[in-house]
Each structure stands twice: as C-alpha cells, then as structure tokens.
PDB file of N, CA and C in Angstrom:
ATOM      1  N   MET A   1     264.245 133.019 135.781  1.00  0.00           N
ATOM      2  CA  MET A   1     262.797 133.126 135.587  1.00  0.00           C
ATOM      3  C   MET A   1     262.376 132.194 134.449  1.00  0.00           C
ATOM      4  N   HIS A   2     261.305 131.451 134.666  1.00  0.00           N
ATOM      5  CA  HIS A   2     260.787 130.536 133.652  1.00  0.00           C
ATOM      6  C   HIS A   2     259.875 131.284 132.691  1.00  0.00           C
ATOM      7  N   GLY A   3     259.722 130.723 131.492  1.00  0.00           N
ATOM      8  CA  GLY A   3     258.907 131.363 130.472  1.00  0.00           C
ATOM      9  C   GLY A   3     257.453 131.543 130.860  1.00  0.00           C
ATOM     10  N   TYR A   4     256.947 130.685 131.733  1.00  0.00           N
ATOM     11  CA  TYR A   4     255.535 130.752 132.114  1.00  0.00           C
ATOM     12  C   TYR A   4     255.282 131.643 133.324  1.00  0.00           C
ATOM     13  N   THR A   5     256.315 132.226 133.888  1.00  0.00           N
ATOM     14  CA  THR A   5     256.187 132.985 135.134  1.00  0.00           C
ATOM     15  C   THR A   5     255.110 134.071 135.052  1.00  0.00           C
ATOM     16  N   ASN A   6     255.067 134.790 133.948  1.00  0.00           N
ATOM     17  CA  ASN A   6     254.076 135.869 133.819  1.00  0.00           C
ATOM     18  C   ASN A   6     252.643 135.352 133.787  1.00  0.00           C
ATOM     19  N   ASP A   7     252.464 134.112 133.366  1.00  0.00           N
ATOM     20  CA  ASP A   7     251.127 133.519 133.259  1.00  0.00           C
ATOM     21  C   ASP A   7     250.874 132.469 134.343  1.00  0.00           C
ATOM     22  N   LYS A   8     251.715 132.438 135.356  1.00  0.00           N
ATOM     23  CA  LYS A   8     251.649 131.394 136.389  1.00  0.00           C
ATOM     24  C   LYS A   8     250.269 131.296 137.030  1.00  0.00           C
ATOM     25  N   ASP A   9     249.679 132.429 137.393  1.00  0.00           N
ATOM     26  CA  ASP A   9     248.362 132.402 138.037  1.00  0.00           C
ATOM     27  C   ASP A   9     247.300 131.793 137.127  1.00  0.00           C
ATOM     28  N   ALA A  10     247.356 132.123 135.844  1.00  0.00           N
ATOM     29  CA  ALA A  10     246.391 131.565 134.892  1.00  0.00           C
ATOM     30  C   ALA A  10     246.595 130.056 134.741  1.00  0.00           C
ATOM     31  N   TYR A  11     247.855 129.624 134.686  1.00  0.00           N
ATOM     32  CA  TYR A  11     248.121 128.189 134.600  1.00  0.00           C
ATOM     33  C   TYR A  11     247.616 127.462 135.838  1.00  0.00           C
ATOM     34  N   LEU A  12     247.887 128.029 137.004  1.00  0.00           N
ATOM     35  CA  LEU A  12     247.429 127.398 138.239  1.00  0.00           C
ATOM     36  C   LEU A  12     245.906 127.317 138.296  1.00  0.00           C
ATOM     37  N   LYS A  13     245.238 128.358 137.835  1.00  0.00           N
ATOM     38  CA  LYS A  13     243.769 128.356 137.806  1.00  0.00           C
ATOM     39  C   LYS A  13     243.262 127.237 136.886  1.00  0.00           C
ATOM     40  N   ARG A  14     243.874 127.114 135.712  1.00  0.00           N
ATOM     41  CA  ARG A  14     243.463 126.075 134.768  1.00  0.00           C
ATOM     42  C   ARG A  14     243.731 124.685 135.335  1.00  0.00           C
ATOM     43  N   LEU A  15     244.891 124.521 135.987  1.00  0.00           N
ATOM     44  CA  LEU A  15     245.224 123.220 136.550  1.00  0.00           C
ATOM     45  C   LEU A  15     244.302 122.853 137.711  1.00  0.00           C
ATOM     46  N   ARG A  16     243.895 123.832 138.492  1.00  0.00           N
ATOM     47  CA  ARG A  16     242.933 123.547 139.574  1.00  0.00           C
ATOM     48  C   ARG A  16     241.581 123.125 139.000  1.00  0.00           C
ATOM     49  N   ARG A  17     241.201 123.770 137.912  1.00  0.00           N
ATOM     50  CA  ARG A  17     239.945 123.404 137.258  1.00  0.00           C
ATOM     51  C   ARG A  17     240.034 121.966 136.730  1.00  0.00           C
ATOM     52  N   ILE A  18     241.165 121.618 136.138  1.00  0.00           N
ATOM     53  CA  ILE A  18     241.375 120.257 135.636  1.00  0.00           C
ATOM     54  C   ILE A  18     241.352 119.261 136.793  1.00  0.00           C
ATOM     55  N   GLU A  19     241.983 119.639 137.896  1.00  0.00           N
ATOM     56  CA  GLU A  19     241.980 118.776 139.082  1.00  0.00           C
ATOM     57  C   GLU A  19     240.547 118.503 139.536  1.00  0.00           C
ATOM     58  N   GLY A  20     239.711 119.528 139.511  1.00  0.00           N
ATOM     59  CA  GLY A  20     238.308 119.354 139.864  1.00  0.00           C
ATOM     60  C   GLY A  20     237.588 118.432 138.889  1.00  0.00           C
ATOM     61  N   GLN A  21     237.917 118.557 137.610  1.00  0.00           N
ATOM     62  CA  GLN A  21     237.310 117.673 136.614  1.00  0.00           C
ATOM     63  C   GLN A  21     237.703 116.216 136.880  1.00  0.00           C
ATOM     64  N   VAL A  22     238.966 116.004 137.219  1.00  0.00           N
ATOM     65  CA  VAL A  22     239.426 114.638 137.488  1.00  0.00           C
ATOM     66  C   VAL A  22     238.716 114.074 138.715  1.00  0.00           C
ATOM     67  N   ARG A  23     238.546 114.894 139.746  1.00  0.00           N
ATOM     68  CA  ARG A  23     237.796 114.431 140.922  1.00  0.00           C
ATOM     69  C   ARG A  23     236.358 114.104 140.529  1.00  0.00           C
ATOM     70  N   GLY A  24     235.807 114.887 139.619  1.00  0.00           N
ATOM     71  CA  GLY A  24     234.459 114.614 139.133  1.00  0.00           C
ATOM     72  C   GLY A  24     234.374 113.278 138.416  1.00  0.00           C
ATOM     73  N   ILE A  25     235.401 112.967 137.653  1.00  0.00           N
ATOM     74  CA  ILE A  25     235.433 111.665 136.960  1.00  0.00           C
ATOM     75  C   ILE A  25     235.511 110.535 137.977  1.00  0.00           C
ATOM     76  N   GLN A  26     236.327 110.721 138.989  1.00  0.00           N
ATOM     77  CA  GLN A  26     236.427 109.708 140.046  1.00  0.00           C
ATOM     78  C   GLN A  26     235.060 109.481 140.687  1.00  0.00           C
ATOM     79  N   SER A  27     234.357 110.565 140.949  1.00  0.00           N
ATOM     80  CA  SER A  27     233.025 110.464 141.540  1.00  0.00           C
ATOM     81  C   SER A  27     232.056 109.751 140.596  1.00  0.00           C
ATOM     82  N   MET A  28     232.178 110.050 139.300  1.00  0.00           N
ATOM     83  CA  MET A  28     231.319 109.386 138.322  1.00  0.00           C
ATOM     84  C   MET A  28     231.527 107.878 138.352  1.00  0.00           C
ATOM     85  N   VAL A  29     232.783 107.454 138.440  1.00  0.00           N
ATOM     86  CA  VAL A  29     233.083 106.019 138.478  1.00  0.00           C
ATOM     87  C   VAL A  29     232.538 105.410 139.765  1.00  0.00           C
ATOM     88  N   GLU A  30     232.720 106.111 140.895  1.00  0.00           N
ATOM     89  CA  GLU A  30     232.192 105.611 142.167  1.00  0.00           C
ATOM     90  C   GLU A  30     230.678 105.447 142.112  1.00  0.00           C
ATOM     91  N   GLN A  31     230.000 106.307 141.358  1.00  0.00           N
ATOM     92  CA  GLN A  31     228.541 106.275 141.261  1.00  0.00           C
ATOM     93  C   GLN A  31     228.046 105.404 140.100  1.00  0.00           C
ATOM     94  N   ASP A  32     228.963 104.703 139.453  1.00  0.00           N
ATOM     95  CA  ASP A  32     228.617 103.829 138.328  1.00  0.00           C
ATOM     96  C   ASP A  32     227.890 104.556 137.201  1.00  0.00           C
ATOM     97  N   VAL A  33     228.362 105.745 136.867  1.00  0.00           N
ATOM     98  CA  VAL A  33     227.792 106.521 135.759  1.00  0.00           C
ATOM     99  C   VAL A  33     228.103 105.790 134.451  1.00  0.00           C
ATOM    100  N   TYR A  34     227.233 105.947 133.488  1.00  0.00           N
ATOM    101  CA  TYR A  34     227.356 105.317 132.168  1.00  0.00           C
ATOM    102  C   TYR A  34     228.752 105.574 131.592  1.00  0.00           C
ATOM    103  N   CYS A  35     229.391 104.509 131.090  1.00  0.00           N
ATOM    104  CA  CYS A  35     230.792 104.588 130.676  1.00  0.00           C
ATOM    105  C   CYS A  35     231.051 105.633 129.593  1.00  0.00           C
ATOM    106  N   ILE A  36     230.139 105.834 128.682  1.00  0.00           N
ATOM    107  CA  ILE A  36     230.331 106.828 127.622  1.00  0.00           C
ATOM    108  C   ILE A  36     230.394 108.229 128.222  1.00  0.00           C
ATOM    109  N   ASP A  37     229.613 108.476 129.243  1.00  0.00           N
ATOM    110  CA  ASP A  37     229.657 109.779 129.915  1.00  0.00           C
ATOM    111  C   ASP A  37     231.000 109.994 130.612  1.00  0.00           C
ATOM    112  N   VAL A  38     231.534 108.933 131.208  1.00  0.00           N
ATOM    113  CA  VAL A  38     232.856 109.019 131.846  1.00  0.00           C
ATOM    114  C   VAL A  38     233.916 109.281 130.787  1.00  0.00           C
ATOM    115  N   LEU A  39     233.844 108.561 129.686  1.00  0.00           N
ATOM    116  CA  LEU A  39     234.810 108.751 128.600  1.00  0.00           C
ATOM    117  C   LEU A  39     234.744 110.165 128.028  1.00  0.00           C
ATOM    118  N   THR A  40     233.567 110.724 127.955  1.00  0.00           N
ATOM    119  CA  THR A  40     233.411 112.097 127.472  1.00  0.00           C
ATOM    120  C   THR A  40     234.152 113.067 128.391  1.00  0.00           C
ATOM    121  N   GLN A  41     234.032 112.859 129.691  1.00  0.00           N
ATOM    122  CA  GLN A  41     234.727 113.725 130.644  1.00  0.00           C
ATOM    123  C   GLN A  41     236.241 113.512 130.595  1.00  0.00           C
ATOM    124  N   ILE A  42     236.673 112.292 130.387  1.00  0.00           N
ATOM    125  CA  ILE A  42     238.100 112.018 130.239  1.00  0.00           C
ATOM    126  C   ILE A  42     238.645 112.746 129.013  1.00  0.00           C
ATOM    127  N   SER A  43     237.882 112.744 127.948  1.00  0.00           N
ATOM    128  CA  SER A  43     238.285 113.464 126.733  1.00  0.00           C
ATOM    129  C   SER A  43     238.420 114.963 127.004  1.00  0.00           C
ATOM    130  N   ALA A  44     237.492 115.511 127.770  1.00  0.00           N
ATOM    131  CA  ALA A  44     237.540 116.942 128.090  1.00  0.00           C
ATOM    132  C   ALA A  44     238.776 117.269 128.922  1.00  0.00           C
ATOM    133  N   VAL A  45     239.112 116.416 129.879  1.00  0.00           N
ATOM    134  CA  VAL A  45     240.296 116.637 130.715  1.00  0.00           C
ATOM    135  C   VAL A  45     241.561 116.524 129.869  1.00  0.00           C
ATOM    136  N   THR A  46     241.581 115.540 128.990  1.00  0.00           N
ATOM    137  CA  THR A  46     242.744 115.359 128.116  1.00  0.00           C
ATOM    138  C   THR A  46     242.973 116.597 127.267  1.00  0.00           C
ATOM    139  N   LYS A  47     241.917 117.132 126.690  1.00  0.00           N
ATOM    140  CA  LYS A  47     242.037 118.341 125.862  1.00  0.00           C
ATOM    141  C   LYS A  47     242.481 119.539 126.698  1.00  0.00           C
ATOM    142  N   ALA A  48     241.975 119.639 127.905  1.00  0.00           N
ATOM    143  CA  ALA A  48     242.371 120.739 128.788  1.00  0.00           C
ATOM    144  C   ALA A  48     243.858 120.649 129.132  1.00  0.00           C
ATOM    145  N   LEU A  49     244.343 119.449 129.431  1.00  0.00           N
ATOM    146  CA  LEU A  49     245.764 119.268 129.718  1.00  0.00           C
ATOM    147  C   LEU A  49     246.621 119.554 128.489  1.00  0.00           C
ATOM    148  N   GLN A  50     246.137 119.152 127.325  1.00  0.00           N
ATOM    149  CA  GLN A  50     246.865 119.450 126.090  1.00  0.00           C
ATOM    150  C   GLN A  50     246.971 120.960 125.875  1.00  0.00           C
ATOM    151  N   ALA A  51     245.915 121.683 126.193  1.00  0.00           N
ATOM    152  CA  ALA A  51     245.942 123.141 126.040  1.00  0.00           C
ATOM    153  C   ALA A  51     246.973 123.767 126.975  1.00  0.00           C
ATOM    154  N   VAL A  52     247.061 123.259 128.197  1.00  0.00           N
ATOM    155  CA  VAL A  52     248.083 123.751 129.132  1.00  0.00           C
ATOM    156  C   VAL A  52     249.466 123.438 128.571  1.00  0.00           C
ATOM    157  N   GLY A  53     249.641 122.219 128.076  1.00  0.00           N
ATOM    158  CA  GLY A  53     250.928 121.821 127.504  1.00  0.00           C
ATOM    159  C   GLY A  53     251.336 122.691 126.326  1.00  0.00           C
ATOM    160  N   ILE A  54     250.407 122.979 125.449  1.00  0.00           N
ATOM    161  CA  ILE A  54     250.690 123.836 124.284  1.00  0.00           C
ATOM    162  C   ILE A  54     251.092 125.231 124.753  1.00  0.00           C
ATOM    163  N   GLY A  55     250.399 125.743 125.747  1.00  0.00           N
ATOM    164  CA  GLY A  55     250.740 127.062 126.285  1.00  0.00           C
ATOM    165  C   GLY A  55     252.142 127.088 126.872  1.00  0.00           C
ATOM    166  N   LEU A  56     252.498 126.029 127.599  1.00  0.00           N
ATOM    167  CA  LEU A  56     253.837 125.950 128.176  1.00  0.00           C
ATOM    168  C   LEU A  56     254.903 125.835 127.088  1.00  0.00           C
ATOM    169  N   VAL A  57     254.623 125.100 126.032  1.00  0.00           N
ATOM    170  CA  VAL A  57     255.562 125.008 124.911  1.00  0.00           C
ATOM    171  C   VAL A  57     255.757 126.386 124.287  1.00  0.00           C
ATOM    172  N   GLU A  58     254.660 127.081 124.053  1.00  0.00           N
ATOM    173  CA  GLU A  58     254.743 128.444 123.497  1.00  0.00           C
ATOM    174  C   GLU A  58     255.600 129.346 124.374  1.00  0.00           C
ATOM    175  N   ASP A  59     255.336 129.311 125.675  1.00  0.00           N
ATOM    176  CA  ASP A  59     256.103 130.136 126.602  1.00  0.00           C
ATOM    177  C   ASP A  59     257.579 129.744 126.590  1.00  0.00           C
ATOM    178  N   HIS A  60     257.849 128.456 126.533  1.00  0.00           N
ATOM    179  CA  HIS A  60     259.234 127.990 126.509  1.00  0.00           C
ATOM    180  C   HIS A  60     259.946 128.487 125.253  1.00  0.00           C
ATOM    181  N   LEU A  61     259.278 128.361 124.127  1.00  0.00           N
ATOM    182  CA  LEU A  61     259.895 128.796 122.873  1.00  0.00           C
ATOM    183  C   LEU A  61     260.150 130.297 122.858  1.00  0.00           C
ATOM    184  N   SER A  62     259.163 131.060 123.293  1.00  0.00           N
ATOM    185  CA  SER A  62     259.291 132.516 123.201  1.00  0.00           C
ATOM    186  C   SER A  62     260.203 133.106 124.270  1.00  0.00           C
ATOM    187  N   HIS A  63     260.466 132.371 125.323  1.00  0.00           N
ATOM    188  CA  HIS A  63     261.311 132.908 126.389  1.00  0.00           C
ATOM    189  C   HIS A  63     262.636 132.155 126.468  1.00  0.00           C
ATOM    190  N   CYS A  64     262.585 130.903 126.852  1.00  0.00           N
ATOM    191  CA  CYS A  64     263.802 130.128 127.116  1.00  0.00           C
ATOM    192  C   CYS A  64     264.635 129.898 125.847  1.00  0.00           C
ATOM    193  N   VAL A  65     263.979 129.496 124.773  1.00  0.00           N
ATOM    194  CA  VAL A  65     264.713 129.215 123.537  1.00  0.00           C
ATOM    195  C   VAL A  65     265.278 130.506 122.952  1.00  0.00           C
ATOM    196  N   VAL A  66     264.487 131.558 122.922  1.00  0.00           N
ATOM    197  CA  VAL A  66     264.956 132.834 122.383  1.00  0.00           C
ATOM    198  C   VAL A  66     266.126 133.365 123.209  1.00  0.00           C
ATOM    199  N   ASP A  67     266.021 133.307 124.528  1.00  0.00           N
ATOM    200  CA  ASP A  67     267.117 133.772 125.389  1.00  0.00           C
ATOM    201  C   ASP A  67     268.387 132.967 125.143  1.00  0.00           C
ATOM    202  N   ALA A  68     268.260 131.650 125.039  1.00  0.00           N
ATOM    203  CA  ALA A  68     269.435 130.806 124.796  1.00  0.00           C
ATOM    204  C   ALA A  68     270.056 131.108 123.438  1.00  0.00           C
ATOM    205  N   ALA A  69     269.223 131.331 122.426  1.00  0.00           N
ATOM    206  CA  ALA A  69     269.742 131.642 121.089  1.00  0.00           C
ATOM    207  C   ALA A  69     270.487 132.971 121.082  1.00  0.00           C
ATOM    208  N   ARG A  70     270.081 133.886 121.921  1.00  0.00           N
ATOM    209  CA  ARG A  70     270.789 135.167 122.028  1.00  0.00           C
ATOM    210  C   ARG A  70     272.163 134.983 122.671  1.00  0.00           C
ATOM    211  N   GLN A  71     272.275 133.983 123.560  1.00  0.00           N
ATOM    212  CA  GLN A  71     273.555 133.729 124.229  1.00  0.00           C
ATOM    213  C   GLN A  71     274.583 133.150 123.271  1.00  0.00           C
ATOM    214  N   SER A  72     274.168 132.108 122.540  1.00  0.00           N
ATOM    215  CA  SER A  72     275.070 131.479 121.565  1.00  0.00           C
ATOM    216  C   SER A  72     274.274 130.529 120.679  1.00  0.00           C
ATOM    217  N   PRO A  73     274.790 130.263 119.483  1.00  0.00           N
ATOM    218  CA  PRO A  73     274.111 129.298 118.613  1.00  0.00           C
ATOM    219  C   PRO A  73     274.007 127.910 119.253  1.00  0.00           C
ATOM    220  N   GLU A  74     275.039 127.513 119.989  1.00  0.00           N
ATOM    221  CA  GLU A  74     275.030 126.187 120.621  1.00  0.00           C
ATOM    222  C   GLU A  74     273.957 126.106 121.704  1.00  0.00           C
ATOM    223  N   ALA A  75     273.888 127.144 122.527  1.00  0.00           N
ATOM    224  CA  ALA A  75     272.871 127.166 123.588  1.00  0.00           C
ATOM    225  C   ALA A  75     271.477 127.173 122.975  1.00  0.00           C
ATOM    226  N   GLY A  76     271.292 127.943 121.918  1.00  0.00           N
ATOM    227  CA  GLY A  76     270.001 127.987 121.229  1.00  0.00           C
ATOM    228  C   GLY A  76     269.628 126.635 120.669  1.00  0.00           C
ATOM    229  N   GLN A  77     270.603 125.972 120.039  1.00  0.00           N
ATOM    230  CA  GLN A  77     270.339 124.655 119.456  1.00  0.00           C
ATOM    231  C   GLN A  77     269.997 123.643 120.538  1.00  0.00           C
ATOM    232  N   ALA A  78     270.657 123.723 121.680  1.00  0.00           N
ATOM    233  CA  ALA A  78     270.359 122.804 122.781  1.00  0.00           C
ATOM    234  C   ALA A  78     268.925 122.999 123.276  1.00  0.00           C
ATOM    235  N   LYS A  79     268.485 124.249 123.379  1.00  0.00           N
ATOM    236  CA  LYS A  79     267.110 124.525 123.821  1.00  0.00           C
ATOM    237  C   LYS A  79     266.092 124.094 122.774  1.00  0.00           C
ATOM    238  N   VAL A  80     266.428 124.248 121.498  1.00  0.00           N
ATOM    239  CA  VAL A  80     265.533 123.796 120.430  1.00  0.00           C
ATOM    240  C   VAL A  80     265.370 122.280 120.515  1.00  0.00           C
ATOM    241  N   LYS A  81     266.480 121.563 120.719  1.00  0.00           N
ATOM    242  CA  LYS A  81     266.428 120.099 120.853  1.00  0.00           C
ATOM    243  C   LYS A  81     265.580 119.701 122.062  1.00  0.00           C
ATOM    244  N   GLU A  82     265.793 120.402 123.171  1.00  0.00           N
ATOM    245  CA  GLU A  82     265.015 120.141 124.383  1.00  0.00           C
ATOM    246  C   GLU A  82     263.517 120.343 124.119  1.00  0.00           C
ATOM    247  N   ALA A  83     263.179 121.421 123.426  1.00  0.00           N
ATOM    248  CA  ALA A  83     261.776 121.716 123.098  1.00  0.00           C
ATOM    249  C   ALA A  83     261.212 120.663 122.148  1.00  0.00           C
ATOM    250  N   ALA A  84     261.995 120.273 121.145  1.00  0.00           N
ATOM    251  CA  ALA A  84     261.535 119.261 120.190  1.00  0.00           C
ATOM    252  C   ALA A  84     261.255 117.936 120.900  1.00  0.00           C
ATOM    253  N   ASP A  85     262.114 117.570 121.834  1.00  0.00           N
ATOM    254  CA  ASP A  85     261.896 116.335 122.590  1.00  0.00           C
ATOM    255  C   ASP A  85     260.634 116.418 123.432  1.00  0.00           C
ATOM    256  N   ALA A  86     260.404 117.580 124.051  1.00  0.00           N
ATOM    257  CA  ALA A  86     259.192 117.767 124.868  1.00  0.00           C
ATOM    258  C   ALA A  86     257.940 117.706 123.985  1.00  0.00           C
ATOM    259  N   ILE A  87     258.007 118.327 122.824  1.00  0.00           N
ATOM    260  CA  ILE A  87     256.869 118.293 121.892  1.00  0.00           C
ATOM    261  C   ILE A  87     256.595 116.862 121.461  1.00  0.00           C
ATOM    262  N   ALA A  88     257.645 116.103 121.178  1.00  0.00           N
ATOM    263  CA  ALA A  88     257.475 114.708 120.784  1.00  0.00           C
ATOM    264  C   ALA A  88     256.780 113.906 121.893  1.00  0.00           C
ATOM    265  N   ARG A  89     257.149 114.172 123.149  1.00  0.00           N
ATOM    266  CA  ARG A  89     256.483 113.485 124.273  1.00  0.00           C
ATOM    267  C   ARG A  89     255.017 113.865 124.339  1.00  0.00           C
ATOM    268  N   LEU A  90     254.715 115.133 124.105  1.00  0.00           N
ATOM    269  CA  LEU A  90     253.303 115.576 124.129  1.00  0.00           C
ATOM    270  C   LEU A  90     252.503 114.920 123.015  1.00  0.00           C
ATOM    271  N   VAL A  91     253.103 114.802 121.850  1.00  0.00           N
ATOM    272  CA  VAL A  91     252.393 114.231 120.714  1.00  0.00           C
ATOM    273  C   VAL A  91     252.127 112.746 120.935  1.00  0.00           C
ATOM    274  N   ARG A  92     253.070 112.066 121.569  1.00  0.00           N
ATOM    275  CA  ARG A  92     252.890 110.624 121.836  1.00  0.00           C
ATOM    276  C   ARG A  92     251.850 110.351 122.905  1.00  0.00           C
ATOM    277  N   SER A  93     251.627 111.304 123.784  1.00  0.00           N
ATOM    278  CA  SER A  93     250.712 111.037 124.899  1.00  0.00           C
ATOM    279  C   SER A  93     249.268 111.129 124.499  1.00  0.00           C
TER     280      SER A  93
END
C-alpha cells in the first residue's frame, strides 16, 4: 500500500481540476488571450501541482519512510535518501 492510498480520491479530484485548468490555458492560447492572463493561469496551475507534490511528499514521509525505518536503519536511510532526492527534484522544477 502506498502512503497516498487513503487520500487517493482527493488527489485524483485535485489532479482532474488541474487537468481542467490546463485545458483552459490551451483554450486561452487558441483564443489569443492576453499573455499576462495566460501566465497568471500557468502560475495557478504550477502552485496547484506543487501543492499535490507537497502532499505526496508528506504522505511518503509519514508512511513509506516511517515503515522502512521500523524495518531497519538501512532501509530507513534508503527511503530518506529517496525522499530527499524527490524533494530536490521538486525544488528544481
């Protein structure tokens, strides 16, 4: 079981909403909407995706990392490294 399993429906709902926002941006570009308005919507989608990412990191830490640390120090350290690498990717994006 993944750390986000209990919140899967909420994540899917948020991702569908983001998908709709992205389609809206595509429509804005097709309609030649003012570029600042398009950029504003891109910023909103970016923040929404970041919020999903932060939630998934939280779930990973509280479930996967904690479970691995209970198994052994080595397994825990491996999951911490995995999480740190994922966080670094999120921060760079």
